[in-house]
Amino acid sequence: TTPDESMEGQQLYLLDFCFKPEELKYLISKGSTITVIDHHKNA
């Protein structure tokens, strides 16, 4: 799963999942606010 246009400028909750750092930065640059609730250590 990768970001798409529907996620831009939205309030996002990433549950049991997280995008890569560069993908998170991209979404933030497009106006999204993001809450990550994950447990996968590396991510």
Full PDB file with SEQRES, HELIX, SHEET, SSBOND, CRYST1, ORIGX, SCALE, CONECT and MASTER records, all heavy atoms in Angstrom:
SEQRES   1 A   43  THR THR PRO ASP GLU SER MET GLU GLY GLN GLN LEU TYR          
SEQRES   2 A   43  LEU LEU ASP PHE CYS PHE LYS PRO GLU GLU LEU LYS TYR          
SEQRES   3 A   43  LEU ILE SER LYS GLY SER THR ILE THR VAL ILE ASP HIS          
SEQRES   4 A   43  HIS LYS ASN ALA                                              
HELIX    1 AA1 GLU A    5  MET A    7  5                                   3    
HELIX    2 AA2 PRO A   21  SER A   29  1                                   9    
SHEET    1 AA1 2 GLN A  11  LEU A  15  0                                        
SHEET    2 AA1 2 THR A  33  ILE A  37  1                                        
CRYST1    1.000    1.000    1.000  90.00  90.00  90.00 P 1           1          
ORIGX1      1.000000  0.000000  0.000000        0.00000                         
ORIGX2      0.000000  1.000000  0.000000        0.00000                         
ORIGX3      0.000000  0.000000  1.000000        0.00000                         
SCALE1      1.000000  0.000000  0.000000        0.00000                         
SCALE2      0.000000  1.000000  0.000000        0.00000                         
SCALE3      0.000000  0.000000  1.000000        0.00000                         
ATOM      1  N   THR A   1       0.827  -1.203   0.000  1.00  0.00           N  
ATOM      2  CA  THR A   1       0.000   0.000   0.000  1.00  0.00           C  
ATOM      3  C   THR A   1       0.861   1.253   0.000  1.00  0.00           C  
ATOM      4  O   THR A   1       1.793   1.381   0.805  1.00  0.00           O  
ATOM      5  CB  THR A   1      -0.926   0.025   1.222  1.00  0.00           C  
ATOM      6  OG1 THR A   1      -1.679  -1.187   1.260  1.00  0.00           O  
ATOM      7  CG2 THR A   1      -1.866   1.219   1.169  1.00  0.00           C  
ATOM      8  N   THR A   2       0.571   2.168  -0.891  1.00  0.00           N  
ATOM      9  CA  THR A   2       1.272   3.444  -0.975  1.00  0.00           C  
ATOM     10  C   THR A   2       0.240   4.571  -0.955  1.00  0.00           C  
ATOM     11  O   THR A   2      -0.938   4.352  -1.249  1.00  0.00           O  
ATOM     12  CB  THR A   2       2.109   3.545  -2.266  1.00  0.00           C  
ATOM     13  OG1 THR A   2       1.248   3.335  -3.400  1.00  0.00           O  
ATOM     14  CG2 THR A   2       3.221   2.496  -2.271  1.00  0.00           C  
ATOM     15  N   PRO A   3       0.654   5.787  -0.613  1.00  0.00           N  
ATOM     16  CA  PRO A   3      -0.300   6.902  -0.562  1.00  0.00           C  
ATOM     17  C   PRO A   3      -0.922   7.175  -1.926  1.00  0.00           C  
ATOM     18  O   PRO A   3      -0.291   6.971  -2.962  1.00  0.00           O  
ATOM     19  CB  PRO A   3       0.570   8.080  -0.107  1.00  0.00           C  
ATOM     20  CG  PRO A   3       1.753   7.470   0.552  1.00  0.00           C  
ATOM     21  CD  PRO A   3       2.003   6.198  -0.175  1.00  0.00           C  
ATOM     22  N   ASP A   4      -2.165   7.651  -1.913  1.00  0.00           N  
ATOM     23  CA  ASP A   4      -2.791   8.089  -3.162  1.00  0.00           C  
ATOM     24  C   ASP A   4      -3.432   9.452  -2.933  1.00  0.00           C  
ATOM     25  O   ASP A   4      -3.448   9.976  -1.812  1.00  0.00           O  
ATOM     26  CB  ASP A   4      -3.797   7.065  -3.683  1.00  0.00           C  
ATOM     27  CG  ASP A   4      -4.916   6.786  -2.689  1.00  0.00           C  
ATOM     28  OD1 ASP A   4      -5.432   7.746  -2.081  1.00  0.00           O  
ATOM     29  OD2 ASP A   4      -5.278   5.610  -2.517  1.00  0.00           O  
ATOM     30  N   GLU A   5      -3.968  10.027  -3.981  1.00  0.00           N  
ATOM     31  CA  GLU A   5      -4.483  11.392  -3.914  1.00  0.00           C  
ATOM     32  C   GLU A   5      -5.617  11.550  -2.899  1.00  0.00           C  
ATOM     33  O   GLU A   5      -5.795  12.634  -2.326  1.00  0.00           O  
ATOM     34  CB  GLU A   5      -4.967  11.823  -5.297  1.00  0.00           C  
ATOM     35  CG  GLU A   5      -3.843  12.013  -6.316  1.00  0.00           C  
ATOM     36  CD  GLU A   5      -4.366  12.510  -7.654  1.00  0.00           C  
ATOM     37  OE1 GLU A   5      -5.611  12.648  -7.789  1.00  0.00           O  
ATOM     38  OE2 GLU A   5      -3.542  12.746  -8.554  1.00  0.00           O  
ATOM     39  N   SER A   6      -6.376  10.484  -2.676  1.00  0.00           N  
ATOM     40  CA  SER A   6      -7.496  10.578  -1.742  1.00  0.00           C  
ATOM     41  C   SER A   6      -7.043  10.831  -0.306  1.00  0.00           C  
ATOM     42  O   SER A   6      -7.842  11.252   0.538  1.00  0.00           O  
ATOM     43  CB  SER A   6      -8.337   9.296  -1.791  1.00  0.00           C  
ATOM     44  OG  SER A   6      -7.620   8.195  -1.243  1.00  0.00           O  
ATOM     45  N   MET A   7      -5.768  10.569  -0.025  1.00  0.00           N  
ATOM     46  CA  MET A   7      -5.238  10.745   1.330  1.00  0.00           C  
ATOM     47  C   MET A   7      -4.641  12.134   1.554  1.00  0.00           C  
ATOM     48  O   MET A   7      -4.321  12.492   2.684  1.00  0.00           O  
ATOM     49  CB  MET A   7      -4.164   9.684   1.601  1.00  0.00           C  
ATOM     50  CG  MET A   7      -4.645   8.259   1.471  1.00  0.00           C  
ATOM     51  SD  MET A   7      -3.305   7.064   1.713  1.00  0.00           S  
ATOM     52  CE  MET A   7      -4.111   5.540   1.269  1.00  0.00           C  
ATOM     53  N   GLU A   8      -4.518  12.899   0.492  1.00  0.00           N  
ATOM     54  CA  GLU A   8      -3.888  14.217   0.603  1.00  0.00           C  
ATOM     55  C   GLU A   8      -4.830  15.207   1.277  1.00  0.00           C  
ATOM     56  O   GLU A   8      -6.012  15.273   0.980  1.00  0.00           O  
ATOM     57  CB  GLU A   8      -3.489  14.722  -0.787  1.00  0.00           C  
ATOM     58  CG  GLU A   8      -2.432  13.855  -1.455  1.00  0.00           C  
ATOM     59  CD  GLU A   8      -2.096  14.312  -2.868  1.00  0.00           C  
ATOM     60  OE1 GLU A   8      -2.619  15.362  -3.294  1.00  0.00           O  
ATOM     61  OE2 GLU A   8      -1.316  13.613  -3.546  1.00  0.00           O  
ATOM     62  N   GLY A   9      -4.272  15.970   2.229  1.00  0.00           N  
ATOM     63  CA  GLY A   9      -5.055  16.981   2.916  1.00  0.00           C  
ATOM     64  C   GLY A   9      -6.083  16.428   3.885  1.00  0.00           C  
ATOM     65  O   GLY A   9      -7.028  17.122   4.265  1.00  0.00           O  
ATOM     66  N   GLN A  10      -5.911  15.185   4.317  1.00  0.00           N  
ATOM     67  CA  GLN A  10      -6.880  14.524   5.183  1.00  0.00           C  
ATOM     68  C   GLN A  10      -6.320  14.288   6.581  1.00  0.00           C  
ATOM     69  O   GLN A  10      -5.117  14.340   6.808  1.00  0.00           O  
ATOM     70  CB  GLN A  10      -7.287  13.179   4.576  1.00  0.00           C  
ATOM     71  CG  GLN A  10      -7.874  13.262   3.178  1.00  0.00           C  
ATOM     72  CD  GLN A  10      -9.176  14.016   3.135  1.00  0.00           C  
ATOM     73  OE1 GLN A  10     -10.017  13.876   4.029  1.00  0.00           O  
ATOM     74  NE2 GLN A  10      -9.366  14.833   2.099  1.00  0.00           N  
ATOM     75  N   GLN A  11      -7.234  14.026   7.525  1.00  0.00           N  
ATOM     76  CA  GLN A  11      -6.844  13.533   8.840  1.00  0.00           C  
ATOM     77  C   GLN A  11      -6.741  12.015   8.724  1.00  0.00           C  
ATOM     78  O   GLN A  11      -7.752  11.334   8.497  1.00  0.00           O  
ATOM     79  CB  GLN A  11      -7.872  13.900   9.899  1.00  0.00           C  
ATOM     80  CG  GLN A  11      -7.631  13.259  11.264  1.00  0.00           C  
ATOM     81  CD  GLN A  11      -6.355  13.740  11.923  1.00  0.00           C  
ATOM     82  OE1 GLN A  11      -6.182  14.923  12.148  1.00  0.00           O  
ATOM     83  NE2 GLN A  11      -5.450  12.817  12.216  1.00  0.00           N  
ATOM     84  N   LEU A  12      -5.531  11.477   8.819  1.00  0.00           N  
ATOM     85  CA  LEU A  12      -5.300  10.053   8.597  1.00  0.00           C  
ATOM     86  C   LEU A  12      -4.954   9.357   9.907  1.00  0.00           C  
ATOM     87  O   LEU A  12      -4.171   9.875  10.717  1.00  0.00           O  
ATOM     88  CB  LEU A  12      -4.151   9.849   7.599  1.00  0.00           C  
ATOM     89  CG  LEU A  12      -4.292  10.510   6.228  1.00  0.00           C  
ATOM     90  CD1 LEU A  12      -3.028  10.261   5.403  1.00  0.00           C  
ATOM     91  CD2 LEU A  12      -5.516   9.972   5.491  1.00  0.00           C  
ATOM     92  N   TYR A  13      -5.510   8.172  10.090  1.00  0.00           N  
ATOM     93  CA  TYR A  13      -5.153   7.289  11.195  1.00  0.00           C  
ATOM     94  C   TYR A  13      -4.608   6.010  10.583  1.00  0.00           C  
ATOM     95  O   TYR A  13      -5.342   5.286   9.898  1.00  0.00           O  
ATOM     96  CB  TYR A  13      -6.367   6.981  12.073  1.00  0.00           C  
ATOM     97  CG  TYR A  13      -6.906   8.184  12.815  1.00  0.00           C  
ATOM     98  CD1 TYR A  13      -7.827   9.033  12.219  1.00  0.00           C  
ATOM     99  CD2 TYR A  13      -6.473   8.470  14.112  1.00  0.00           C  
ATOM    100  CE1 TYR A  13      -8.320  10.146  12.888  1.00  0.00           C  
ATOM    101  CE2 TYR A  13      -6.960   9.580  14.792  1.00  0.00           C  
ATOM    102  CZ  TYR A  13      -7.876  10.411  14.178  1.00  0.00           C  
ATOM    103  OH  TYR A  13      -8.356  11.517  14.841  1.00  0.00           O  
ATOM    104  N   LEU A  14      -3.332   5.744  10.789  1.00  0.00           N  
ATOM    105  CA  LEU A  14      -2.703   4.529  10.269  1.00  0.00           C  
ATOM    106  C   LEU A  14      -2.715   3.489  11.382  1.00  0.00           C  
ATOM    107  O   LEU A  14      -1.985   3.614  12.372  1.00  0.00           O  
ATOM    108  CB  LEU A  14      -1.281   4.822   9.799  1.00  0.00           C  
ATOM    109  CG  LEU A  14      -1.130   5.969   8.784  1.00  0.00           C  
ATOM    110  CD1 LEU A  14       0.317   6.074   8.311  1.00  0.00           C  
ATOM    111  CD2 LEU A  14      -2.068   5.779   7.592  1.00  0.00           C  
ATOM    112  N   LEU A  15      -3.541   2.479  11.230  1.00  0.00           N  
ATOM    113  CA  LEU A  15      -3.804   1.508  12.289  1.00  0.00           C  
ATOM    114  C   LEU A  15      -3.144   0.178  11.981  1.00  0.00           C  
ATOM    115  O   LEU A  15      -3.437  -0.441  10.961  1.00  0.00           O  
ATOM    116  CB  LEU A  15      -5.321   1.313  12.445  1.00  0.00           C  
ATOM    117  CG  LEU A  15      -6.142   2.606  12.587  1.00  0.00           C  
ATOM    118  CD1 LEU A  15      -7.631   2.279  12.600  1.00  0.00           C  
ATOM    119  CD2 LEU A  15      -5.745   3.378  13.829  1.00  0.00           C  
ATOM    120  N   ASP A  16      -2.245  -0.249  12.881  1.00  0.00           N  
ATOM    121  CA  ASP A  16      -1.511  -1.502  12.695  1.00  0.00           C  
ATOM    122  C   ASP A  16      -0.732  -1.467  11.379  1.00  0.00           C  
ATOM    123  O   ASP A  16      -0.543  -2.496  10.724  1.00  0.00           O  
ATOM    124  CB  ASP A  16      -2.467  -2.693  12.715  1.00  0.00           C  
ATOM    125  CG  ASP A  16      -1.779  -3.988  13.143  1.00  0.00           C  
ATOM    126  OD1 ASP A  16      -0.590  -3.934  13.521  1.00  0.00           O  
ATOM    127  OD2 ASP A  16      -2.421  -5.051  13.084  1.00  0.00           O  
ATOM    128  N   PHE A  17      -0.275  -0.293  11.009  1.00  0.00           N  
ATOM    129  CA  PHE A  17       0.376  -0.070   9.712  1.00  0.00           C  
ATOM    130  C   PHE A  17       1.042   1.294   9.756  1.00  0.00           C  
ATOM    131  O   PHE A  17       0.618   2.187  10.490  1.00  0.00           O  
ATOM    132  CB  PHE A  17      -0.661  -0.106   8.586  1.00  0.00           C  
ATOM    133  CG  PHE A  17      -0.127   0.297   7.234  1.00  0.00           C  
ATOM    134  CD1 PHE A  17       0.532  -0.630   6.444  1.00  0.00           C  
ATOM    135  CD2 PHE A  17      -0.267   1.597   6.759  1.00  0.00           C  
ATOM    136  CE1 PHE A  17       1.037  -0.261   5.204  1.00  0.00           C  
ATOM    137  CE2 PHE A  17       0.219   1.971   5.532  1.00  0.00           C  
ATOM    138  CZ  PHE A  17       0.880   1.028   4.746  1.00  0.00           C  
ATOM    139  N   CYS A  18       2.082   1.450   8.934  1.00  0.00           N  
ATOM    140  CA  CYS A  18       2.703   2.767   8.806  1.00  0.00           C  
ATOM    141  C   CYS A  18       3.358   2.882   7.435  1.00  0.00           C  
ATOM    142  O   CYS A  18       3.942   1.916   6.934  1.00  0.00           O  
ATOM    143  CB  CYS A  18       3.754   2.980   9.898  1.00  0.00           C  
ATOM    144  SG  CYS A  18       4.413   4.665   9.926  1.00  0.00           S  
ATOM    145  N   PHE A  19       3.244   4.045   6.831  1.00  0.00           N  
ATOM    146  CA  PHE A  19       3.941   4.294   5.580  1.00  0.00           C  
ATOM    147  C   PHE A  19       5.431   4.492   5.835  1.00  0.00           C  
ATOM    148  O   PHE A  19       5.860   4.733   6.968  1.00  0.00           O  
ATOM    149  CB  PHE A  19       3.384   5.549   4.891  1.00  0.00           C  
ATOM    150  CG  PHE A  19       2.035   5.363   4.266  1.00  0.00           C  
ATOM    151  CD1 PHE A  19       0.962   6.153   4.650  1.00  0.00           C  
ATOM    152  CD2 PHE A  19       1.834   4.402   3.287  1.00  0.00           C  
ATOM    153  CE1 PHE A  19      -0.290   5.999   4.072  1.00  0.00           C  
ATOM    154  CE2 PHE A  19       0.589   4.231   2.696  1.00  0.00           C  
ATOM    155  CZ  PHE A  19      -0.474   5.034   3.094  1.00  0.00           C  
ATOM    156  N   LYS A  20       6.211   4.423   4.773  1.00  0.00           N  
ATOM    157  CA  LYS A  20       7.635   4.716   4.865  1.00  0.00           C  
ATOM    158  C   LYS A  20       7.830   6.195   5.194  1.00  0.00           C  
ATOM    159  O   LYS A  20       6.961   7.025   4.898  1.00  0.00           O  
ATOM    160  CB  LYS A  20       8.320   4.390   3.537  1.00  0.00           C  
ATOM    161  CG  LYS A  20       8.270   2.921   3.148  1.00  0.00           C  
ATOM    162  CD  LYS A  20       8.886   2.705   1.775  1.00  0.00           C  
ATOM    163  CE  LYS A  20       8.800   1.246   1.358  1.00  0.00           C  
ATOM    164  NZ  LYS A  20       9.349   1.015  -0.003  1.00  0.00           N  
ATOM    165  N   PRO A  21       8.974   6.560   5.799  1.00  0.00           N  
ATOM    166  CA  PRO A  21       9.202   7.961   6.161  1.00  0.00           C  
ATOM    167  C   PRO A  21       9.010   8.934   5.005  1.00  0.00           C  
ATOM    168  O   PRO A  21       8.384   9.990   5.174  1.00  0.00           O  
ATOM    169  CB  PRO A  21      10.651   7.957   6.658  1.00  0.00           C  
ATOM    170  CG  PRO A  21      10.847   6.593   7.209  1.00  0.00           C  
ATOM    171  CD  PRO A  21      10.063   5.691   6.300  1.00  0.00           C  
ATOM    172  N   GLU A  22       9.523   8.590   3.826  1.00  0.00           N  
ATOM    173  CA  GLU A  22       9.381   9.502   2.692  1.00  0.00           C  
ATOM    174  C   GLU A  22       7.917   9.657   2.273  1.00  0.00           C  
ATOM    175  O   GLU A  22       7.503  10.735   1.793  1.00  0.00           O  
ATOM    176  CB  GLU A  22      10.223   9.036   1.503  1.00  0.00           C  
ATOM    177  CG  GLU A  22       9.896   7.664   0.960  1.00  0.00           C  
ATOM    178  CD  GLU A  22      10.713   6.541   1.588  1.00  0.00           C  
ATOM    179  OE1 GLU A  22      11.173   6.723   2.740  1.00  0.00           O  
ATOM    180  OE2 GLU A  22      10.880   5.495   0.933  1.00  0.00           O  
ATOM    181  N   GLU A  23       7.119   8.608   2.473  1.00  0.00           N  
ATOM    182  CA  GLU A  23       5.699   8.683   2.136  1.00  0.00           C  
ATOM    183  C   GLU A  23       4.940   9.520   3.165  1.00  0.00           C  
ATOM    184  O   GLU A  23       4.024  10.282   2.813  1.00  0.00           O  
ATOM    185  CB  GLU A  23       5.115   7.272   2.035  1.00  0.00           C  
ATOM    186  CG  GLU A  23       5.707   6.466   0.874  1.00  0.00           C  
ATOM    187  CD  GLU A  23       5.319   5.006   0.899  1.00  0.00           C  
ATOM    188  OE1 GLU A  23       5.035   4.470   1.990  1.00  0.00           O  
ATOM    189  OE2 GLU A  23       5.310   4.378  -0.176  1.00  0.00           O  
ATOM    190  N   LEU A  24       5.329   9.381   4.423  1.00  0.00           N  
ATOM    191  CA  LEU A  24       4.726  10.221   5.467  1.00  0.00           C  
ATOM    192  C   LEU A  24       5.038  11.695   5.208  1.00  0.00           C  
ATOM    193  O   LEU A  24       4.149  12.555   5.320  1.00  0.00           O  
ATOM    194  CB  LEU A  24       5.252   9.799   6.844  1.00  0.00           C  
ATOM    195  CG  LEU A  24       4.854   8.407   7.336  1.00  0.00           C  
ATOM    196  CD1 LEU A  24       5.627   8.063   8.596  1.00  0.00           C  
ATOM    197  CD2 LEU A  24       3.355   8.330   7.607  1.00  0.00           C  
ATOM    198  N   LYS A  25       6.287  11.981   4.870  1.00  0.00           N  
ATOM    199  CA  LYS A  25       6.689  13.374   4.591  1.00  0.00           C  
ATOM    200  C   LYS A  25       5.913  13.929   3.400  1.00  0.00           C  
ATOM    201  O   LYS A  25       5.514  15.102   3.407  1.00  0.00           O  
ATOM    202  CB  LYS A  25       8.186  13.435   4.332  1.00  0.00           C  
ATOM    203  CG  LYS A  25       9.049  13.151   5.553  1.00  0.00           C  
ATOM    204  CD  LYS A  25      10.534  13.171   5.205  1.00  0.00           C  
ATOM    205  CE  LYS A  25      11.395  12.854   6.403  1.00  0.00           C  
ATOM    206  NZ  LYS A  25      12.849  12.828   6.057  1.00  0.00           N  
ATOM    207  N   TYR A  26       5.698  13.097   2.389  1.00  0.00           N  
ATOM    208  CA  TYR A  26       4.945  13.531   1.219  1.00  0.00           C  
ATOM    209  C   TYR A  26       3.515  13.909   1.613  1.00  0.00           C  
ATOM    210  O   TYR A  26       3.005  14.966   1.212  1.00  0.00           O  
ATOM    211  CB  TYR A  26       4.914  12.428   0.162  1.00  0.00           C  
ATOM    212  CG  TYR A  26       3.951  12.704  -0.972  1.00  0.00           C  
ATOM    213  CD1 TYR A  26       4.281  13.568  -2.009  1.00  0.00           C  
ATOM    214  CD2 TYR A  26       2.678  12.112  -0.978  1.00  0.00           C  
ATOM    215  CE1 TYR A  26       3.381  13.841  -3.032  1.00  0.00           C  
ATOM    216  CE2 TYR A  26       1.779  12.376  -1.994  1.00  0.00           C  
ATOM    217  CZ  TYR A  26       2.133  13.241  -3.022  1.00  0.00           C  
ATOM    218  OH  TYR A  26       1.236  13.518  -4.017  1.00  0.00           O  
ATOM    219  N   LEU A  27       2.850  13.063   2.389  1.00  0.00           N  
ATOM    220  CA  LEU A  27       1.480  13.336   2.798  1.00  0.00           C  
ATOM    221  C   LEU A  27       1.398  14.597   3.655  1.00  0.00           C  
ATOM    222  O   LEU A  27       0.467  15.397   3.516  1.00  0.00           O  
ATOM    223  CB  LEU A  27       0.909  12.137   3.550  1.00  0.00           C  
ATOM    224  CG  LEU A  27       0.594  10.905   2.698  1.00  0.00           C  
ATOM    225  CD1 LEU A  27       0.315   9.701   3.573  1.00  0.00           C  
ATOM    226  CD2 LEU A  27      -0.599  11.181   1.777  1.00  0.00           C  
ATOM    227  N   ILE A  28       2.374  14.766   4.539  1.00  0.00           N  
ATOM    228  CA  ILE A  28       2.400  15.979   5.367  1.00  0.00           C  
ATOM    229  C   ILE A  28       2.565  17.214   4.496  1.00  0.00           C  
ATOM    230  O   ILE A  28       1.916  18.248   4.715  1.00  0.00           O  
ATOM    231  CB  ILE A  28       3.541  15.884   6.405  1.00  0.00           C  
ATOM    232  CG1 ILE A  28       3.205  14.809   7.451  1.00  0.00           C  
ATOM    233  CG2 ILE A  28       3.777  17.235   7.078  1.00  0.00           C  
ATOM    234  CD1 ILE A  28       4.345  14.469   8.384  1.00  0.00           C  
ATOM    235  N   SER A  29       3.401  17.114   3.473  1.00  0.00           N  
ATOM    236  CA  SER A  29       3.610  18.249   2.564  1.00  0.00           C  
ATOM    237  C   SER A  29       2.343  18.598   1.796  1.00  0.00           C  
ATOM    238  O   SER A  29       2.195  19.727   1.302  1.00  0.00           O  
ATOM    239  CB  SER A  29       4.746  17.946   1.580  1.00  0.00           C  
ATOM    240  OG  SER A  29       4.332  17.021   0.575  1.00  0.00           O  
ATOM    241  N   LYS A  30       1.429  17.635   1.681  1.00  0.00           N  
ATOM    242  CA  LYS A  30       0.167  17.854   0.976  1.00  0.00           C  
ATOM    243  C   LYS A  30      -0.959  18.254   1.932  1.00  0.00           C  
ATOM    244  O   LYS A  30      -2.125  18.289   1.542  1.00  0.00           O  
ATOM    245  CB  LYS A  30      -0.238  16.596   0.207  1.00  0.00           C  
ATOM    246  CG  LYS A  30       0.705  16.232  -0.934  1.00  0.00           C  
ATOM    247  CD  LYS A  30       0.726  17.315  -2.017  1.00  0.00           C  
ATOM    248  CE  LYS A  30       1.606  16.922  -3.179  1.00  0.00           C  
ATOM    249  NZ  LYS A  30       1.590  17.967  -4.254  1.00  0.00           N  
ATOM    250  N   GLY A  31      -0.595  18.534   3.182  1.00  0.00           N  
ATOM    251  CA  GLY A  31      -1.576  19.043   4.131  1.00  0.00           C  
ATOM    252  C   GLY A  31      -2.238  18.015   5.021  1.00  0.00           C  
ATOM    253  O   GLY A  31      -3.175  18.346   5.757  1.00  0.00           O  
ATOM    254  N   SER A  32      -1.789  16.776   4.966  1.00  0.00           N  
ATOM    255  CA  SER A  32      -2.386  15.739   5.807  1.00  0.00           C  
ATOM    256  C   SER A  32      -1.841  15.816   7.226  1.00  0.00           C  
ATOM    257  O   SER A  32      -0.674  16.156   7.444  1.00  0.00           O  
ATOM    258  CB  SER A  32      -2.101  14.352   5.229  1.00  0.00           C  
ATOM    259  OG  SER A  32      -2.656  14.206   3.946  1.00  0.00           O  
ATOM    260  N   THR A  33      -2.676  15.493   8.192  1.00  0.00           N  
ATOM    261  CA  THR A  33      -2.221  15.277   9.561  1.00  0.00           C  
ATOM    262  C   THR A  33      -2.378  13.790   9.838  1.00  0.00           C  
ATOM    263  O   THR A  33      -3.391  13.181   9.470  1.00  0.00           O  
ATOM    264  CB  THR A  33      -3.030  16.096  10.569  1.00  0.00           C  
ATOM    265  OG1 THR A  33      -4.419  15.804  10.418  1.00  0.00           O  
ATOM    266  CG2 THR A  33      -2.802  17.589  10.353  1.00  0.00           C  
ATOM    267  N   ILE A  34      -1.393  13.203  10.484  1.00  0.00           N  
ATOM    268  CA  ILE A  34      -1.315  11.741  10.547  1.00  0.00           C  
ATOM    269  C   ILE A  34      -1.112  11.269  11.986  1.00  0.00           C  
ATOM    270  O   ILE A  34      -0.219  11.757  12.688  1.00  0.00           O  
ATOM    271  CB  ILE A  34      -0.144  11.224   9.681  1.00  0.00           C  
ATOM    272  CG1 ILE A  34      -0.263  11.758   8.249  1.00  0.00           C  
ATOM    273  CG2 ILE A  34      -0.117   9.697   9.683  1.00  0.00           C  
ATOM    274  CD1 ILE A  34       0.976  11.501   7.398  1.00  0.00           C  
ATOM    275  N   THR A  35      -1.930  10.326  12.398  1.00  0.00           N  
ATOM    276  CA  THR A  35      -1.753   9.630  13.669  1.00  0.00           C  
ATOM    277  C   THR A  35      -1.418   8.180  13.363  1.00  0.00           C  
ATOM    278  O   THR A  35      -2.197   7.490  12.706  1.00  0.00           O  
ATOM    279  CB  THR A  35      -3.024   9.693  14.537  1.00  0.00           C  
ATOM    280  OG1 THR A  35      -3.323  11.055  14.834  1.00  0.00           O  
ATOM    281  CG2 THR A  35      -2.826   8.920  15.838  1.00  0.00           C  
ATOM    282  N   VAL A  36      -0.263   7.732  13.804  1.00  0.00           N  
ATOM    283  CA  VAL A  36       0.168   6.356  13.574  1.00  0.00           C  
ATOM    284  C   VAL A  36      -0.045   5.556  14.858  1.00  0.00           C  
ATOM    285  O   VAL A  36       0.445   5.934  15.922  1.00  0.00           O  
ATOM    286  CB  VAL A  36       1.650   6.285  13.160  1.00  0.00           C  
ATOM    287  CG1 VAL A  36       2.096   4.826  12.996  1.00  0.00           C  
ATOM    288  CG2 VAL A  36       1.875   7.049  11.859  1.00  0.00           C  
ATOM    289  N   ILE A  37      -0.777   4.454  14.752  1.00  0.00           N  
ATOM    290  CA  ILE A  37      -0.976   3.541  15.886  1.00  0.00           C  
ATOM    291  C   ILE A  37      -0.532   2.167  15.411  1.00  0.00           C  
ATOM    292  O   ILE A  37      -1.320   1.373  14.898  1.00  0.00           O  
ATOM    293  CB  ILE A  37      -2.438   3.545  16.355  1.00  0.00           C  
ATOM    294  CG1 ILE A  37      -2.911   4.978  16.626  1.00  0.00           C  
ATOM    295  CG2 ILE A  37      -2.586   2.688  17.617  1.00  0.00           C  
ATOM    296  CD1 ILE A  37      -4.358   5.076  17.073  1.00  0.00           C  
ATOM    297  N   ASP A  38       0.745   1.889  15.572  1.00  0.00           N  
ATOM    298  CA  ASP A  38       1.350   0.684  15.016  1.00  0.00           C  
ATOM    299  C   ASP A  38       2.235   0.033  16.073  1.00  0.00           C  
ATOM    300  O   ASP A  38       2.545   0.633  17.111  1.00  0.00           O  
ATOM    301  CB  ASP A  38       2.182   1.065  13.779  1.00  0.00           C  
ATOM    302  CG  ASP A  38       2.570  -0.149  12.936  1.00  0.00           C  
ATOM    303  OD1 ASP A  38       1.962  -1.223  13.121  1.00  0.00           O  
ATOM    304  OD2 ASP A  38       3.471  -0.019  12.097  1.00  0.00           O  
ATOM    305  N   HIS A  39       2.650  -1.199  15.816  1.00  0.00           N  
ATOM    306  CA  HIS A  39       3.525  -1.896  16.751  1.00  0.00           C  
ATOM    307  C   HIS A  39       4.736  -2.538  16.067  1.00  0.00           C  
ATOM    308  O   HIS A  39       5.576  -3.133  16.745  1.00  0.00           O  
ATOM    309  CB  HIS A  39       2.750  -2.976  17.514  1.00  0.00           C  
ATOM    310  CG  HIS A  39       2.392  -4.163  16.682  1.00  0.00           C  
ATOM    311  ND1 HIS A  39       3.147  -5.312  16.656  1.00  0.00           N  
ATOM    312  CD2 HIS A  39       1.361  -4.377  15.835  1.00  0.00           C  
ATOM    313  CE1 HIS A  39       2.590  -6.180  15.835  1.00  0.00           C  
ATOM    314  NE2 HIS A  39       1.503  -5.642  15.315  1.00  0.00           N  
ATOM    315  N   HIS A  40       4.824  -2.436  14.744  1.00  0.00           N  
ATOM    316  CA  HIS A  40       5.934  -3.051  14.011  1.00  0.00           C  
ATOM    317  C   HIS A  40       7.210  -2.238  14.250  1.00  0.00           C  
ATOM    318  O   HIS A  40       7.281  -1.060  13.889  1.00  0.00           O  
ATOM    319  CB  HIS A  40       5.599  -3.135  12.525  1.00  0.00           C  
ATOM    320  CG  HIS A  40       4.399  -3.988  12.252  1.00  0.00           C  
ATOM    321  ND1 HIS A  40       3.121  -3.461  12.157  1.00  0.00           N  
ATOM    322  CD2 HIS A  40       4.269  -5.331  12.073  1.00  0.00           C  
ATOM    323  CE1 HIS A  40       2.262  -4.443  11.928  1.00  0.00           C  
ATOM    324  NE2 HIS A  40       2.924  -5.585  11.867  1.00  0.00           N  
ATOM    325  N   LYS A  41       8.192  -2.859  14.870  1.00  0.00           N  
ATOM    326  CA  LYS A  41       9.330  -2.135  15.439  1.00  0.00           C  
ATOM    327  C   LYS A  41      10.088  -1.287  14.425  1.00  0.00           C  
ATOM    328  O   LYS A  41      10.361  -0.110  14.664  1.00  0.00           O  
ATOM    329  CB  LYS A  41      10.288  -3.124  16.123  1.00  0.00           C  
ATOM    330  CG  LYS A  41       9.707  -3.773  17.372  1.00  0.00           C  
ATOM    331  CD  LYS A  41      10.708  -4.685  18.056  1.00  0.00           C  
ATOM    332  CE  LYS A  41      10.112  -5.292  19.316  1.00  0.00           C  
ATOM    333  NZ  LYS A  41      11.068  -6.194  20.017  1.00  0.00           N  
ATOM    334  N   ASN A  42      10.457  -1.873  13.302  1.00  0.00           N  
ATOM    335  CA  ASN A  42      11.247  -1.128  12.325  1.00  0.00           C  
ATOM    336  C   ASN A  42      10.469   0.060  11.755  1.00  0.00           C  
ATOM    337  O   ASN A  42      11.020   1.158  11.580  1.00  0.00           O  
ATOM    338  CB  ASN A  42      11.716  -2.043  11.197  1.00  0.00           C  
ATOM    339  CG  ASN A  42      12.740  -3.057  11.661  1.00  0.00           C  
ATOM    340  OD1 ASN A  42      13.378  -2.888  12.700  1.00  0.00           O  
ATOM    341  ND2 ASN A  42      12.918  -4.129  10.910  1.00  0.00           N  
ATOM    342  N   ALA A  43       9.197  -0.175  11.463  1.00  0.00           N  
ATOM    343  CA  ALA A  43       8.377   0.890  10.892  1.00  0.00           C  
ATOM    344  C   ALA A  43       8.172   2.022  11.890  1.00  0.00           C  
ATOM    345  O   ALA A  43       8.240   3.208  11.534  1.00  0.00           O  
ATOM    346  CB  ALA A  43       7.029   0.329  10.444  1.00  0.00           C  
TER     347      ALA A  43                                                      
MASTER        0    0    0    2    2    0    0    6  346    1    0    4          
END                                                                             
